[in-house]
Protein backbone atom coordinates (compact mmCIF):
# COMPACT_ATOMS: atom_id res chain seq x y z
CA MET A 1 -9.29 -4.79 -40.97
CA LEU A 2 -9.17 -2.69 -37.92
CA CYS A 3 -6.26 -2.03 -35.47
CA VAL A 4 -6.16 0.27 -32.49
CA TYR A 5 -2.73 1.52 -31.08
CA ILE A 6 -2.75 2.67 -27.52
CA PHE A 7 0.16 4.28 -25.55
CA LEU A 8 0.01 4.94 -21.82
CA VAL A 9 2.44 6.42 -19.32
CA LEU A 10 2.36 6.85 -15.58
CA ALA A 11 4.89 8.98 -13.95
CA LEU A 12 5.98 10.47 -10.48
CA SER A 13 8.09 13.31 -11.22
CA ARG A 14 18.92 13.60 -19.11
CA VAL A 15 19.73 10.51 -19.95
CA GLY A 16 21.87 11.27 -22.99
CA LEU A 17 19.56 9.16 -25.32
CA SER A 18 19.53 9.87 -28.92
CA SER A 19 18.26 11.77 -31.73
CA LEU A 20 15.12 9.61 -31.51
CA GLN A 21 13.84 11.48 -28.59
CA ASP A 22 14.47 14.87 -30.23
CA LYS A 23 12.54 13.69 -33.49
CA GLN A 24 9.73 12.40 -31.35
CA THR A 25 9.50 15.81 -29.55
CA ASP A 26 9.70 17.73 -32.71
CA PHE A 27 6.89 15.77 -34.24
CA GLY A 28 4.67 16.29 -31.11
CA LEU A 29 5.39 19.87 -31.07
CA LYS A 30 4.32 20.19 -34.73
CA VAL A 31 0.99 18.37 -33.94
CA PHE A 32 0.42 20.60 -30.86
CA TYR A 33 1.20 23.83 -33.02
CA GLN A 34 -1.37 22.77 -35.68
CA LEU A 35 -4.04 22.01 -33.06
CA ALA A 36 -3.21 25.29 -31.31
CA GLN A 37 -3.61 27.28 -34.62
CA GLU A 38 -6.97 25.71 -35.24
CA SER A 39 -8.08 26.33 -31.56
CA THR A 40 -6.92 29.86 -30.70
CA ASP A 41 -9.67 30.59 -28.22
CA LYS A 42 -9.92 27.07 -26.72
CA ASN A 43 -8.05 24.87 -24.22
CA VAL A 44 -5.88 22.50 -26.04
CA VAL A 45 -3.75 19.66 -24.23
CA LEU A 46 -1.61 16.98 -25.96
CA SER A 47 0.91 14.31 -25.12
CA PRO A 48 3.82 14.66 -27.67
CA TYR A 49 5.53 11.63 -26.52
CA GLY A 50 2.26 9.52 -26.61
CA VAL A 51 1.27 10.65 -30.16
CA ALA A 52 4.70 9.80 -31.43
CA SER A 53 4.85 6.54 -29.75
CA VAL A 54 1.33 5.45 -30.90
CA LEU A 55 2.18 6.31 -34.60
CA ALA A 56 5.50 4.55 -34.36
CA MET A 57 3.85 1.43 -33.44
CA ALA A 58 1.55 1.81 -36.39
CA GLN A 59 4.50 2.67 -38.69
CA LEU A 60 6.30 -0.51 -37.71
CA GLY A 61 3.18 -2.48 -39.13
CA ALA A 62 2.58 -0.59 -42.26
CA ASN A 63 3.90 -0.99 -45.75
CA GLY A 64 3.70 1.01 -49.13
CA ASN A 65 2.04 4.31 -49.31
CA THR A 66 0.94 4.17 -45.67
CA SER A 67 4.46 3.54 -44.29
CA LYS A 68 5.87 6.52 -46.63
CA ALA A 69 2.97 8.89 -45.48
CA LEU A 70 3.70 8.06 -41.73
CA THR A 71 7.42 8.48 -42.05
CA THR A 72 7.02 11.75 -44.07
CA ALA A 73 4.61 13.22 -41.47
CA MET A 74 6.63 12.11 -38.33
CA GLY A 75 9.93 12.93 -39.85
CA PHE A 76 11.72 9.63 -38.62
CA SER A 77 11.39 5.94 -39.01
CA LEU A 78 11.86 3.05 -36.38
CA ARG A 79 13.10 1.07 -39.37
CA GLU A 80 16.12 3.24 -39.70
CA ARG A 81 19.55 1.59 -38.46
CA GLY A 82 19.76 1.91 -34.59
CA MET A 83 16.32 3.44 -34.10
CA LEU A 84 14.66 0.37 -32.48
CA ARG A 85 17.44 0.25 -29.83
CA GLN A 86 17.09 3.93 -29.22
CA GLN A 87 13.33 3.38 -28.77
CA TRP A 88 14.21 0.47 -26.25
CA LEU A 89 16.77 2.75 -24.45
CA LEU A 90 14.27 5.79 -24.25
CA GLN A 91 11.42 3.58 -22.89
CA ARG A 92 13.89 1.96 -20.39
CA GLY A 93 15.08 5.42 -19.47
CA LEU A 94 11.45 6.43 -18.60
CA SER A 95 10.45 3.40 -16.95
CA THR A 96 13.53 2.65 -14.71
CA GLU A 97 12.98 5.95 -12.92
CA GLU A 98 11.05 5.42 -9.69
CA GLY A 99 7.36 6.07 -10.04
CA VAL A 100 7.30 5.73 -13.86
CA GLU A 101 5.24 3.10 -15.67
CA ILE A 102 4.70 2.65 -19.27
CA ALA A 103 2.10 0.58 -21.18
CA ASN A 104 1.70 0.15 -24.83
CA GLY A 105 -1.19 -1.61 -26.40
CA VAL A 106 -1.96 -2.81 -29.84
CA MET A 107 -5.61 -4.07 -30.41
CA VAL A 108 -5.97 -6.12 -33.72
CA GLU A 109 -8.99 -7.61 -35.42
CA ARG A 110 -8.89 -11.36 -34.27
CA LYS A 111 -8.91 -12.59 -37.97
CA MET A 112 -5.95 -10.59 -38.88
CA ASN A 113 -2.74 -12.56 -39.49
CA LEU A 114 0.39 -10.54 -38.24
CA GLU A 115 3.85 -11.29 -39.36
CA LYS A 116 6.00 -12.76 -36.58
CA ARG A 117 8.59 -10.07 -37.28
CA TYR A 118 6.02 -7.49 -36.13
CA HIS A 119 5.40 -9.38 -33.01
CA ARG A 120 9.25 -9.53 -32.30
CA THR A 121 9.70 -5.83 -33.15
CA LEU A 122 6.81 -4.64 -30.63
CA ALA A 123 8.02 -6.77 -27.98
CA LYS A 124 11.65 -5.46 -28.43
CA ALA A 125 10.88 -1.71 -28.94
CA PHE A 126 7.61 -1.20 -26.88
CA LYS A 127 7.43 -4.43 -24.72
CA THR A 128 4.05 -5.32 -25.94
CA ASN A 129 2.18 -7.90 -27.88
CA PRO A 130 -0.94 -7.40 -30.08
CA HIS A 131 -4.15 -8.18 -28.27
CA GLN A 132 -6.78 -9.97 -30.56
CA VAL A 133 -10.20 -8.28 -30.40
CA ASP A 134 -13.38 -9.00 -32.23
CA PHE A 135 -14.19 -5.80 -34.04
CA THR A 136 -17.21 -7.29 -35.71
CA LYS A 137 -19.05 -6.56 -32.37
CA PRO A 138 -18.15 -2.92 -31.96
CA ASP A 139 -19.80 -2.35 -28.49
CA GLN A 140 -17.85 -5.46 -27.23
CA ALA A 141 -14.60 -4.27 -28.71
CA ILE A 142 -15.01 -0.83 -27.34
CA SER A 143 -15.60 -2.39 -23.80
CA VAL A 144 -12.40 -4.34 -24.02
CA ILE A 145 -10.41 -1.32 -24.98
CA ASN A 146 -12.04 0.82 -22.44
CA ALA A 147 -11.23 -1.88 -19.62
CA TRP A 148 -7.65 -2.01 -20.85
CA VAL A 149 -7.10 1.68 -20.81
CA SER A 150 -8.86 2.22 -17.40
CA ASP A 151 -6.83 -0.60 -15.91
CA HIS A 152 -3.51 0.63 -17.12
CA THR A 153 -4.20 4.23 -15.94
CA ALA A 154 -5.46 3.19 -12.56
CA GLY A 155 -9.05 4.31 -13.67
CA LEU A 156 -8.11 7.85 -14.44
CA ILE A 157 -9.49 7.16 -18.03
CA PRO A 158 -12.75 4.98 -17.64
CA GLU A 159 -14.12 5.64 -21.09
CA PHE A 160 -11.48 6.12 -23.89
CA LEU A 161 -13.99 5.30 -26.71
CA GLN A 162 -17.68 5.83 -26.47
CA SER A 163 -20.14 3.12 -27.25
CA GLY A 164 -22.25 3.41 -30.49
CA LEU A 165 -19.05 4.69 -32.46
CA ASP A 166 -19.92 3.93 -36.09
CA GLN A 167 -16.92 5.45 -37.63
CA ARG A 168 -13.90 3.26 -38.46
CA LEU A 169 -10.80 4.08 -36.77
CA CYS A 170 -7.61 4.63 -39.04
CA VAL A 171 -4.40 6.38 -39.16
CA SER A 172 -5.94 9.55 -40.56
CA LYS A 173 -7.87 9.89 -37.24
CA VAL A 174 -5.87 9.77 -34.03
CA LEU A 175 -7.99 10.03 -30.76
CA GLN A 176 -6.65 11.46 -27.66
CA LYS A 177 -8.14 12.65 -24.40
CA LEU A 178 -6.25 14.19 -21.45
CA LYS A 179 -6.87 15.59 -18.00
CA ILE A 180 -4.54 17.64 -15.93
CA GLU A 181 -5.04 18.51 -12.31
CA VAL A 182 -2.89 20.44 -10.04
CA ASN A 183 -3.34 20.77 -6.41
CA GLU A 184 -1.53 20.77 -2.99
CA GLU A 185 -0.72 16.95 -3.50
CA GLY A 186 1.09 17.80 -6.84
CA THR A 187 0.36 17.34 -10.47
CA LYS A 188 -1.88 14.72 -11.69
CA GLY A 189 -2.77 14.00 -15.43
CA ALA A 190 -4.43 11.46 -17.63
CA ALA A 191 -4.74 11.01 -21.42
CA SER A 192 -6.03 8.56 -23.76
CA THR A 193 -2.51 7.92 -24.59
CA ALA A 194 -1.06 8.64 -21.23
CA ALA A 195 -1.76 9.34 -17.65
CA VAL A 196 0.91 10.97 -15.36
CA LEU A 197 1.43 11.29 -11.64
CA PHE A 198 4.06 13.57 -10.03
CA SER A 199 5.52 13.38 -6.53
CA ARG A 200 4.38 15.78 -3.82
CA MET A 201 5.91 19.22 -4.31
CA ALA A 202 6.24 22.26 -2.10
CA VAL A 203 2.92 24.08 -1.88
CA GLU A 204 2.91 27.53 -3.62
CA GLU A 205 0.09 29.57 -4.45
CA ILE A 206 -0.12 30.73 -8.06
CA ILE A 207 -2.82 32.85 -9.51
CA LEU A 208 -3.31 32.01 -13.24
CA ASP A 209 -5.87 34.80 -14.37
CA ARG A 210 -4.78 34.91 -18.09
CA PRO A 211 -4.11 32.44 -20.99
CA PHE A 212 -0.89 30.48 -20.61
CA LEU A 213 1.09 27.60 -22.07
CA PHE A 214 2.42 24.69 -20.03
CA LEU A 215 4.70 21.87 -20.67
CA ILE A 216 5.52 18.71 -18.59
CA GLN A 217 8.89 17.20 -19.31
CA HIS A 218 10.55 14.08 -18.01
CA LYS A 219 13.83 15.39 -16.66
CA LEU A 220 16.09 12.53 -17.18
CA THR A 221 15.33 11.72 -20.72
CA GLY A 222 14.02 15.08 -21.88
CA ALA A 223 10.78 13.62 -23.38
CA VAL A 224 7.89 15.97 -23.38
CA LEU A 225 4.91 14.00 -21.84
CA PHE A 226 2.24 16.81 -21.90
CA MET A 227 1.88 20.35 -23.19
CA GLY A 228 -1.05 22.56 -23.74
CA GLN A 229 -2.63 25.95 -23.80
CA PHE A 230 -5.11 27.21 -21.36
CA ASN A 231 -7.71 29.84 -22.46
CA GLN A 232 -10.90 28.99 -21.12
CA PRO A 233 -10.93 28.37 -17.31
CA GLN A 234 -14.51 27.19 -17.26
CA GLN A 235 -13.96 24.37 -19.56
């Protein structure tokens, strides 16, 4: 059985939301810290909110040891009382702001039978429904997924997965690609789990000639959409 979870966000830029947003951010920061520790001399970019959302969708469909492992790693569970509503409020807080769009996708093997409760939960918390894909035809499945990602990121991520991928995707391996561009028009970014656009800002020349960290945060909700470390300007 094969299932792919995808999170995307487009934004142009504190709703007093909940402990959920803080827990999602904490988890994302832990993931970033681990990546940064393993890549001290490389550029590292991550979408904390995207990673937390993707694994939360997987968590809702998991049981047994998989569910326990995800909950332990993430530090929270959407099955806890009130968490689904908090997720709905958080997503609404992001998407109701002018210029913000969120798309969540779940790609499921077409022969896999899903519980109706999972459909209802995804629709309630993430405003999405599973898409049936024939994973017995890998190249075709990859094409479908890439088309979905490209369409929902305005073409910023045309190739999320590469053709010929022979490794099975699973929770133990989360894929994410991200691109950040800053120019006189503002800040523009794209990730395999997210794409973000920020409104035009006052032009100010900044010379960045040494390693630095950056963070892009949604002001109203406090959600950290992107963060990274910059060490290699040529990459």
